[in-house]
Amino acid sequence: MNPPFIWRREALKFAALALCARPFAALAQASVSSPPAPIRLALIESMSGPFANTGEAVFRNLLWAVERVNARGGIKLPGGARPLQLDRYDSKGQNEEALSALRAAMDDGARIVLQGNSSATAAALVDAIDKNNERDPSRRVIFLNYAAVDPVLTNERCSFWHFRFDAHADMRVAALMDVVKDDAALKRVYLIGQDYSFGQAVLREARRQLGTQRPDVEIVGDELHPMGKVKDFAPYATKIIASGAQAVVTGNWGNDLTLLVKAAREAGFNGTFYTFYGNALGAPAAIGDAGIGRVIAVADWLPNVQTTQSEAFYRAFRARFPKPAEDYVHMRLALMIEALVQAIERAGSVDAVPVARALEQADVSLYGQRGRMRAVDHQFQQQLVVGVMDRQGRPGVQFDVEGSGYGFRVVKTIAPERAELPTSCKMKRP
């Protein structure tokens, strides 16, 4: 036999073996070096249109919370820790767009959906998720709600797949009424709100609670306006002044609030605004000195809560987002992400049913703030605070809002057990 031929034959054989081995080696290396698959969170919000500023503000809060989880190693699971990944989907402020975003997020692999800036959108998402989870158990979705506060979402329209981390409208109104009932000089109130489920719920509950706690107060105006469509609130401000109102109660948010208080200031209204969201997104700067002692806001937390831990939380957020326009921080969004992490780790799985059952038992603390999920209706229970606008630097106002020079001094703290309200939820569980 010819030795060169033998050599060539053996060389070709080894080359063929090497070529076959390369894909297996590459696969082995990939399995060792590839990072763990992230757990995808889908934020469905207005990222364009009149309420884009609210969507962007929420995104910053959630991004910061996700970054903290990932910085400590991610979520611990039996197969190894996995990071969180926050993806954003633009609802454009429209329910149909939000439903399209939900389908896109599910196709992308997300099984945790986050939304809040519209109770009407939240209700549409709850319905769609209920139907999807019943029809397709392999693609079940959990809905975390941080701001859609129509009470029906944890009452007659409650869902096993929906968890609300904000106090609902009736709870917030009750907190405001704790301040109203102490204002003996108040005799005339004007109610105004956005014409959709949440705005209607706020005015309905304000009427009820005023009748119960302050029957001596006359409601001199009761009005709903189109949501996100009014560019000039001057006609509304004129009616408020003409009514003789000493105070306005409103659940308005975003530009609908900013433009309302700005128009009232320019028209010369000198009364008080009792608000859900008067502490951010341009409202303090818009009303200026006229709001000192006159703009009141209710929240789960305010930057001027007088504790060392609260101050540390606020300073940490501002270090991450230092621009004045980015100064919109809410403790509940951070607690929501911590509750999700706790639930996934307790469940030892990312499957929707065990995670939802673990979320029902969530009890989390962060920077001195504690909240727990009420299993019967999936309504988060936590303290509420009421603050009044004042100039930065005055007692109790260490921090201002958005570089405006105005902040909110806490005047009342409502303990979780006092903020809690009954529920009519009759939940169907899988």
Protein backbone atom coordinates (compact mmCIF):
# COMPACT_ATOMS: atom_id res chain seq x y z
CA MET A 1 0.00 0.00 0.00
CA ASN A 2 1.20 3.47 -0.88
CA PRO A 3 2.15 5.35 2.36
CA PRO A 4 1.26 8.85 0.97
CA PHE A 5 -2.21 7.55 0.12
CA ILE A 6 -2.66 6.21 3.65
CA TRP A 7 -1.58 9.55 5.07
CA ARG A 8 -4.03 11.48 2.88
CA ARG A 9 -6.89 9.14 3.78
CA GLU A 10 -6.22 9.48 7.52
CA ALA A 11 -5.89 13.25 7.23
CA LEU A 12 -9.25 13.53 5.47
CA LYS A 13 -10.87 11.36 8.13
CA PHE A 14 -9.60 13.53 10.98
CA ALA A 15 -10.62 16.69 9.13
CA ALA A 16 -14.13 15.35 8.73
CA LEU A 17 -14.30 14.47 12.42
CA ALA A 18 -13.11 17.94 13.33
CA LEU A 19 -15.75 19.57 11.16
CA CYS A 20 -18.46 17.46 12.78
CA ALA A 21 -17.16 18.27 16.25
CA ARG A 22 -17.19 22.04 15.78
CA PRO A 23 -20.98 22.52 16.03
CA PHE A 24 -21.11 20.34 19.15
CA ALA A 25 -18.24 22.29 20.73
CA ALA A 26 -19.94 25.55 19.87
CA LEU A 27 -23.19 24.36 21.42
CA ALA A 28 -21.38 23.20 24.55
CA GLN A 29 -19.60 26.54 24.85
CA ALA A 30 -22.86 28.45 24.30
CA SER A 31 -24.58 26.46 27.03
CA VAL A 32 -21.81 27.39 29.43
CA SER A 33 -21.34 31.06 28.52
CA SER A 34 -24.87 32.19 27.51
CA PRO A 35 -26.53 34.39 30.13
CA PRO A 36 -29.78 33.12 31.67
CA ALA A 37 -32.94 34.09 29.82
CA PRO A 38 -34.48 37.22 31.31
CA ILE A 39 -37.98 37.37 32.77
CA ARG A 40 -39.73 39.84 30.51
CA LEU A 41 -41.96 42.59 31.87
CA ALA A 42 -44.18 44.41 29.37
CA LEU A 43 -45.02 48.03 30.19
CA ILE A 44 -48.10 49.12 28.21
CA GLU A 45 -48.48 52.89 28.46
CA SER A 46 -48.94 56.15 26.55
CA MET A 47 -45.48 56.87 25.19
CA SER A 48 -46.86 59.36 22.67
CA GLY A 49 -49.79 61.76 22.63
CA PRO A 50 -51.09 64.12 25.34
CA PHE A 51 -50.17 61.82 28.24
CA ALA A 52 -46.73 60.73 27.02
CA ASN A 53 -45.09 62.46 29.99
CA THR A 54 -46.92 60.13 32.38
CA GLY A 55 -45.80 57.03 30.50
CA GLU A 56 -42.19 58.16 30.44
CA ALA A 57 -42.31 58.96 34.17
CA VAL A 58 -43.61 55.48 34.97
CA PHE A 59 -40.94 53.91 32.78
CA ARG A 60 -38.17 55.64 34.75
CA ASN A 61 -39.56 54.38 38.06
CA LEU A 62 -39.86 50.81 36.81
CA LEU A 63 -36.47 50.87 35.11
CA TRP A 64 -34.85 51.94 38.37
CA ALA A 65 -36.63 49.16 40.28
CA VAL A 66 -35.58 46.56 37.70
CA GLU A 67 -31.98 47.79 37.78
CA ARG A 68 -31.87 47.34 41.56
CA VAL A 69 -33.11 43.74 41.30
CA ASN A 70 -30.59 42.89 38.57
CA ALA A 71 -27.74 44.60 40.45
CA ARG A 72 -28.20 42.15 43.32
CA GLY A 73 -28.12 39.15 41.01
CA GLY A 74 -31.66 38.91 39.68
CA ILE A 75 -34.46 36.58 40.78
CA LYS A 76 -33.35 33.39 42.49
CA LEU A 77 -34.90 30.27 40.95
CA PRO A 78 -34.12 26.54 41.27
CA GLY A 79 -32.41 26.52 37.85
CA GLY A 80 -30.35 29.60 38.66
CA ALA A 81 -30.92 33.32 39.02
CA ARG A 82 -32.59 35.18 36.15
CA PRO A 83 -32.59 38.93 35.46
CA LEU A 84 -35.63 41.09 34.76
CA GLN A 85 -36.06 42.79 31.40
CA LEU A 86 -38.39 45.78 31.01
CA ASP A 87 -39.88 46.25 27.54
CA ARG A 88 -42.12 49.20 26.65
CA TYR A 89 -45.15 49.17 24.36
CA ASP A 90 -46.92 52.37 23.30
CA SER A 91 -50.69 52.34 23.85
CA LYS A 92 -50.95 55.89 22.43
CA GLY A 93 -53.63 56.52 25.06
CA GLN A 94 -56.09 54.27 23.19
CA ASN A 95 -57.69 51.04 24.40
CA GLU A 96 -57.44 49.32 21.01
CA GLU A 97 -53.76 50.20 20.80
CA ALA A 98 -53.27 48.83 24.33
CA LEU A 99 -54.89 45.54 23.32
CA SER A 100 -52.65 45.34 20.25
CA ALA A 101 -49.67 46.02 22.52
CA LEU A 102 -50.80 43.21 24.81
CA ARG A 103 -50.85 40.75 21.90
CA ALA A 104 -47.42 41.92 20.75
CA ALA A 105 -45.98 41.59 24.25
CA MET A 106 -47.32 38.05 24.59
CA ASP A 107 -45.88 37.13 21.18
CA ASP A 108 -42.54 38.50 22.40
CA GLY A 109 -42.67 36.14 25.39
CA ALA A 110 -43.82 38.48 28.16
CA ARG A 111 -46.08 36.95 30.80
CA ILE A 112 -46.08 39.89 33.22
CA VAL A 113 -47.93 43.00 32.04
CA LEU A 114 -47.73 46.39 33.77
CA GLN A 115 -50.12 49.31 33.21
CA GLY A 116 -51.87 51.99 35.22
CA ASN A 117 -52.42 55.37 33.58
CA SER A 118 -56.10 54.87 32.67
CA SER A 119 -58.73 52.81 34.41
CA ALA A 120 -60.59 52.36 31.12
CA THR A 121 -57.50 50.81 29.57
CA ALA A 122 -56.94 48.68 32.66
CA ALA A 123 -60.50 47.33 32.44
CA ALA A 124 -59.98 46.45 28.76
CA LEU A 125 -56.73 44.65 29.60
CA VAL A 126 -58.34 42.73 32.46
CA ASP A 127 -61.09 41.47 30.15
CA ALA A 128 -58.62 40.46 27.45
CA ILE A 129 -56.30 38.73 29.90
CA ASP A 130 -59.18 36.85 31.55
CA LYS A 131 -60.26 35.50 28.15
CA ASN A 132 -56.72 34.67 27.06
CA ASN A 133 -55.87 32.85 30.29
CA GLU A 134 -59.00 30.72 30.07
CA ARG A 135 -58.55 29.96 26.37
CA ASP A 136 -54.78 29.41 26.30
CA PRO A 137 -53.37 28.14 29.64
CA SER A 138 -49.91 27.80 28.09
CA ARG A 139 -49.69 31.60 27.64
CA ARG A 140 -51.27 32.89 30.83
CA VAL A 141 -50.52 36.48 31.80
CA ILE A 142 -50.44 38.33 35.15
CA PHE A 143 -51.43 42.02 35.22
CA LEU A 144 -49.74 44.37 37.71
CA ASN A 145 -51.62 47.68 38.02
CA TYR A 146 -49.84 50.62 39.68
CA ALA A 147 -52.23 53.54 39.03
CA ALA A 148 -55.61 52.58 37.54
CA VAL A 149 -57.74 53.32 40.58
CA ASP A 150 -61.36 52.83 39.53
CA PRO A 151 -62.74 50.90 42.55
CA VAL A 152 -64.58 48.37 40.36
CA LEU A 153 -61.27 46.73 39.39
CA THR A 154 -60.97 45.18 42.84
CA ASN A 155 -64.70 45.00 43.51
CA GLU A 156 -67.32 43.71 41.07
CA ARG A 157 -64.79 43.36 38.21
CA CYS A 158 -62.00 41.79 40.26
CA SER A 159 -59.84 39.14 38.58
CA PHE A 160 -57.46 36.48 39.83
CA TRP A 161 -54.91 37.69 37.27
CA HIS A 162 -55.07 41.39 38.25
CA PHE A 163 -53.21 42.96 41.20
CA ARG A 164 -53.54 46.66 42.12
CA PHE A 165 -50.69 48.36 43.97
CA ASP A 166 -52.23 51.84 44.27
CA ALA A 167 -54.98 52.85 46.67
CA HIS A 168 -58.24 52.97 44.74
CA ALA A 169 -60.26 56.16 44.26
CA ASP A 170 -62.57 55.64 47.24
CA MET A 171 -59.57 55.14 49.53
CA ARG A 172 -57.93 58.31 48.21
CA VAL A 173 -61.13 60.35 48.54
CA ALA A 174 -61.51 59.15 52.13
CA ALA A 175 -57.96 60.35 52.89
CA LEU A 176 -58.72 63.79 51.41
CA MET A 177 -61.95 63.99 53.41
CA ASP A 178 -59.91 63.51 56.56
CA VAL A 179 -58.51 66.97 55.80
CA VAL A 180 -61.76 68.47 54.50
CA LYS A 181 -63.65 67.61 57.68
CA ASP A 182 -61.14 69.64 59.73
CA ASP A 183 -61.62 72.78 57.59
CA ALA A 184 -64.55 74.41 59.37
CA ALA A 185 -64.41 77.50 57.12
CA LEU A 186 -65.09 75.44 54.00
CA LYS A 187 -68.74 75.82 52.88
CA ARG A 188 -68.76 75.58 49.05
CA VAL A 189 -67.04 72.97 46.84
CA TYR A 190 -66.77 72.51 43.07
CA LEU A 191 -66.33 68.97 41.71
CA ILE A 192 -64.65 68.51 38.33
CA GLY A 193 -63.13 65.49 36.64
CA GLN A 194 -62.28 63.62 33.46
CA ASP A 195 -65.25 61.99 31.75
CA TYR A 196 -64.39 58.33 31.99
CA SER A 197 -64.76 55.57 34.58
CA PHE A 198 -62.12 56.86 37.01
CA GLY A 199 -63.16 60.52 36.88
CA GLN A 200 -66.78 59.53 37.34
CA ALA A 201 -65.87 57.33 40.31
CA VAL A 202 -63.98 60.16 42.02
CA LEU A 203 -66.88 62.60 41.79
CA ARG A 204 -69.41 59.97 42.81
CA GLU A 205 -67.45 59.09 45.94
CA ALA A 206 -66.69 62.76 46.72
CA ARG A 207 -70.43 63.51 46.67
CA ARG A 208 -71.14 60.55 48.93
CA GLN A 209 -68.43 61.30 51.47
CA LEU A 210 -69.16 65.03 51.58
CA GLY A 211 -72.79 64.18 52.33
CA THR A 212 -71.69 61.87 55.15
CA GLN A 213 -68.82 63.80 56.71
CA ARG A 214 -69.62 67.43 55.80
CA PRO A 215 -73.37 67.77 55.11
CA ASP A 216 -72.98 71.50 55.76
CA VAL A 217 -70.82 71.88 52.62
CA GLU A 218 -72.68 72.88 49.45
CA ILE A 219 -71.62 71.35 46.12
CA VAL A 220 -71.83 74.38 43.81
CA GLY A 221 -70.51 72.65 40.70
CA ASP A 222 -70.38 69.06 39.45
CA GLU A 223 -68.81 68.69 36.04
CA LEU A 224 -67.06 66.19 33.78
CA HIS A 225 -64.95 67.18 30.77
CA PRO A 226 -63.48 65.20 27.84
CA MET A 227 -60.30 63.40 28.80
CA GLY A 228 -57.10 64.62 27.15
CA LYS A 229 -58.89 66.85 24.66
CA VAL A 230 -59.34 70.20 26.43
CA LYS A 231 -56.56 72.60 25.49
CA ASP A 232 -57.98 75.68 27.23
CA PHE A 233 -59.53 75.32 30.69
CA ALA A 234 -60.28 79.05 31.01
CA PRO A 235 -64.05 78.53 30.56
CA TYR A 236 -64.02 75.97 33.37
CA ALA A 237 -62.00 78.32 35.60
CA THR A 238 -64.53 81.08 34.94
CA LYS A 239 -67.38 78.80 36.03
CA ILE A 240 -65.49 77.77 39.17
CA ILE A 241 -65.01 81.39 40.20
CA ALA A 242 -68.59 82.36 39.31
CA SER A 243 -69.92 79.53 41.50
CA GLY A 244 -68.37 81.05 44.61
CA ALA A 245 -66.50 77.80 45.31
CA GLN A 246 -63.90 77.91 48.06
CA ALA A 247 -62.37 74.60 46.98
CA VAL A 248 -62.13 72.27 43.99
CA VAL A 249 -62.04 68.48 44.31
CA THR A 250 -60.57 66.72 41.27
CA GLY A 251 -59.03 63.42 40.27
CA ASN A 252 -57.51 64.95 37.11
CA TRP A 253 -54.03 63.82 36.16
CA GLY A 254 -51.41 64.62 33.53
CA ASN A 255 -52.01 67.65 31.33
CA ASP A 256 -55.68 67.74 32.32
CA LEU A 257 -54.61 68.67 35.83
CA THR A 258 -51.74 70.99 34.90
CA LEU A 259 -53.88 72.99 32.48
CA LEU A 260 -56.79 73.17 34.93
CA VAL A 261 -54.76 74.59 37.83
CA LYS A 262 -52.88 76.95 35.50
CA ALA A 263 -56.15 78.33 34.12
CA ALA A 264 -57.57 78.73 37.62
CA ARG A 265 -54.49 80.63 38.74
CA GLU A 266 -54.60 82.94 35.72
CA ALA A 267 -58.31 83.58 36.27
CA GLY A 268 -57.67 84.61 39.89
CA PHE A 269 -59.11 81.63 41.76
CA ASN A 270 -57.90 81.82 45.36
CA GLY A 271 -59.46 78.65 46.69
CA THR A 272 -58.05 75.24 47.58
CA PHE A 273 -57.46 72.32 45.22
CA TYR A 274 -58.01 68.87 46.75
CA THR A 275 -56.25 66.58 44.28
CA PHE A 276 -55.07 63.04 43.69
CA TYR A 277 -52.03 64.11 41.65
CA GLY A 278 -51.38 67.80 42.31
CA ASN A 279 -47.89 67.04 43.57
CA ALA A 280 -46.19 66.34 40.21
CA LEU A 281 -46.00 66.58 36.41
CA GLY A 282 -45.98 70.35 36.17
CA ALA A 283 -48.85 71.22 38.48
CA PRO A 284 -46.81 72.93 41.26
CA ALA A 285 -44.88 75.09 38.79
CA ALA A 286 -48.08 75.94 36.92
CA ILE A 287 -49.90 77.27 39.96
CA GLY A 288 -46.90 78.94 41.63
CA ASP A 289 -47.23 80.98 44.84
CA ALA A 290 -51.01 80.83 44.58
CA GLY A 291 -50.80 77.16 45.53
CA ILE A 292 -48.98 77.66 48.83
CA GLY A 293 -51.27 76.25 51.47
CA ARG A 294 -53.97 75.74 48.80
CA VAL A 295 -52.98 72.67 46.74
CA ILE A 296 -53.49 69.44 48.64
CA ALA A 297 -52.51 66.01 47.33
CA VAL A 298 -52.95 62.45 48.55
CA ALA A 299 -50.40 59.72 47.82
CA ASP A 300 -48.99 56.49 49.15
CA TRP A 301 -45.72 58.35 49.82
CA LEU A 302 -44.26 61.83 49.39
CA PRO A 303 -40.58 62.89 49.25
CA ASN A 304 -40.98 64.96 52.42
CA VAL A 305 -42.06 62.05 54.60
CA GLN A 306 -39.83 62.83 57.56
CA THR A 307 -37.74 59.68 57.97
CA THR A 308 -34.09 58.93 57.23
CA GLN A 309 -35.03 55.91 55.11
CA SER A 310 -37.50 57.93 53.03
CA GLU A 311 -34.89 60.58 52.38
CA ALA A 312 -32.40 57.91 51.30
CA PHE A 313 -34.95 56.47 48.85
CA TYR A 314 -35.63 59.85 47.29
CA ARG A 315 -31.96 60.81 47.07
CA ALA A 316 -31.14 57.48 45.41
CA PHE A 317 -33.76 58.05 42.72
CA ARG A 318 -32.54 61.59 42.04
CA ALA A 319 -28.97 60.32 41.77
CA ARG A 320 -30.16 57.96 39.03
CA PHE A 321 -32.38 60.57 37.33
CA PRO A 322 -30.95 64.00 38.20
CA LYS A 323 -32.79 66.23 35.72
CA PRO A 324 -35.57 68.32 37.32
CA ALA A 325 -38.04 67.17 34.64
CA GLU A 326 -37.38 63.55 35.69
CA ASP A 327 -38.38 64.19 39.31
CA TYR A 328 -41.41 61.90 39.47
CA VAL A 329 -40.91 59.06 41.92
CA HIS A 330 -43.43 56.76 43.59
CA MET A 331 -42.63 54.27 46.31
CA ARG A 332 -45.46 51.94 45.29
CA LEU A 333 -43.87 51.14 41.92
CA ALA A 334 -40.72 50.00 43.67
CA LEU A 335 -42.76 47.96 46.16
CA MET A 336 -44.66 46.38 43.25
CA ILE A 337 -41.46 45.07 41.65
CA GLU A 338 -40.23 43.82 45.04
CA ALA A 339 -43.56 42.01 45.53
CA LEU A 340 -43.19 40.36 42.12
CA VAL A 341 -39.66 39.22 42.93
CA GLN A 342 -40.83 37.83 46.27
CA ALA A 343 -43.70 35.96 44.62
CA ILE A 344 -41.59 34.38 41.86
CA GLU A 345 -38.96 33.25 44.36
CA ARG A 346 -41.61 31.79 46.66
CA ALA A 347 -43.29 30.03 43.76
CA GLY A 348 -39.95 28.74 42.50
CA SER A 349 -41.37 29.24 39.03
CA VAL A 350 -42.42 31.85 36.48
CA ASP A 351 -45.67 30.02 35.70
CA ALA A 352 -48.64 32.34 36.12
CA VAL A 353 -50.78 30.32 38.54
CA PRO A 354 -48.16 29.67 41.25
CA VAL A 355 -46.81 33.22 40.91
CA ALA A 356 -50.31 34.71 41.26
CA ARG A 357 -50.99 32.59 44.33
CA ALA A 358 -47.73 33.74 45.86
CA LEU A 359 -48.55 37.36 44.99
CA GLU A 360 -51.77 37.02 46.98
CA GLN A 361 -49.58 36.64 50.07
CA ALA A 362 -47.08 39.40 49.22
CA ASP A 363 -45.80 41.39 52.18
CA VAL A 364 -42.91 43.69 51.29
CA SER A 365 -40.92 46.50 52.85
CA LEU A 366 -38.56 49.00 51.26
CA TYR A 367 -36.88 52.05 52.79
CA GLY A 368 -39.23 51.90 55.77
CA GLN A 369 -42.43 51.64 53.69
CA ARG A 370 -44.43 48.43 54.03
CA GLY A 371 -47.33 47.05 52.01
CA ARG A 372 -49.24 43.78 51.83
CA MET A 373 -51.56 42.31 49.24
CA ARG A 374 -55.11 41.51 50.35
CA ALA A 375 -55.84 38.09 48.88
CA VAL A 376 -59.61 38.43 48.75
CA ASP A 377 -59.56 41.15 46.06
CA HIS A 378 -55.88 41.74 45.17
CA GLN A 379 -55.91 45.29 46.55
CA PHE A 380 -52.56 46.35 48.02
CA GLN A 381 -52.84 47.77 51.54
CA GLN A 382 -50.43 50.48 52.69
CA GLN A 383 -50.39 53.81 54.47
CA LEU A 384 -51.52 56.98 52.73
CA VAL A 385 -50.26 60.51 53.29
CA VAL A 386 -51.79 63.89 52.54
CA GLY A 387 -49.53 66.83 51.78
CA VAL A 388 -50.03 70.56 51.27
CA MET A 389 -47.97 72.64 48.87
CA ASP A 390 -45.42 75.00 50.37
CA ARG A 391 -42.21 76.72 49.41
CA GLN A 392 -39.06 74.62 49.59
CA GLY A 393 -36.99 75.33 52.70
CA ARG A 394 -39.91 75.91 55.01
CA PRO A 395 -40.39 73.47 57.90
CA GLY A 396 -41.20 70.01 56.59
CA VAL A 397 -40.37 70.89 52.96
CA GLN A 398 -36.80 69.76 52.42
CA PHE A 399 -37.40 68.73 48.82
CA ASP A 400 -39.18 70.54 46.03
CA VAL A 401 -40.91 69.08 42.96
CA GLU A 402 -39.32 69.16 39.49
CA GLY A 403 -37.11 72.11 40.38
CA SER A 404 -40.18 74.29 40.88
CA GLY A 405 -39.14 75.60 44.30
CA TYR A 406 -42.35 74.12 45.76
CA GLY A 407 -42.79 70.87 47.65
CA PHE A 408 -45.42 69.13 49.73
CA ARG A 409 -45.42 69.13 53.52
CA VAL A 410 -47.08 66.06 55.02
CA VAL A 411 -50.07 67.13 57.14
CA LYS A 412 -51.77 63.78 57.69
CA THR A 413 -50.74 60.13 57.70
CA ILE A 414 -53.41 57.45 57.40
CA ALA A 415 -52.34 54.04 58.72
CA PRO A 416 -53.01 50.99 56.49
CA GLU A 417 -55.75 49.68 58.77
CA ARG A 418 -57.57 53.04 58.55
CA ALA A 419 -57.06 53.37 54.80
CA GLU A 420 -58.46 49.88 54.16
CA LEU A 421 -62.02 49.68 52.85
CA PRO A 422 -64.39 46.70 52.38
CA THR A 423 -64.66 44.92 49.03
CA SER A 424 -67.51 43.34 47.09
CA CYS A 425 -65.15 41.10 45.09
CA LYS A 426 -66.27 37.53 44.41
CA MET A 427 -63.16 36.18 42.75
CA LYS A 428 -63.13 33.20 40.42
CA ARG A 429 -59.90 31.24 40.87
CA PRO A 430 -58.40 28.63 38.54
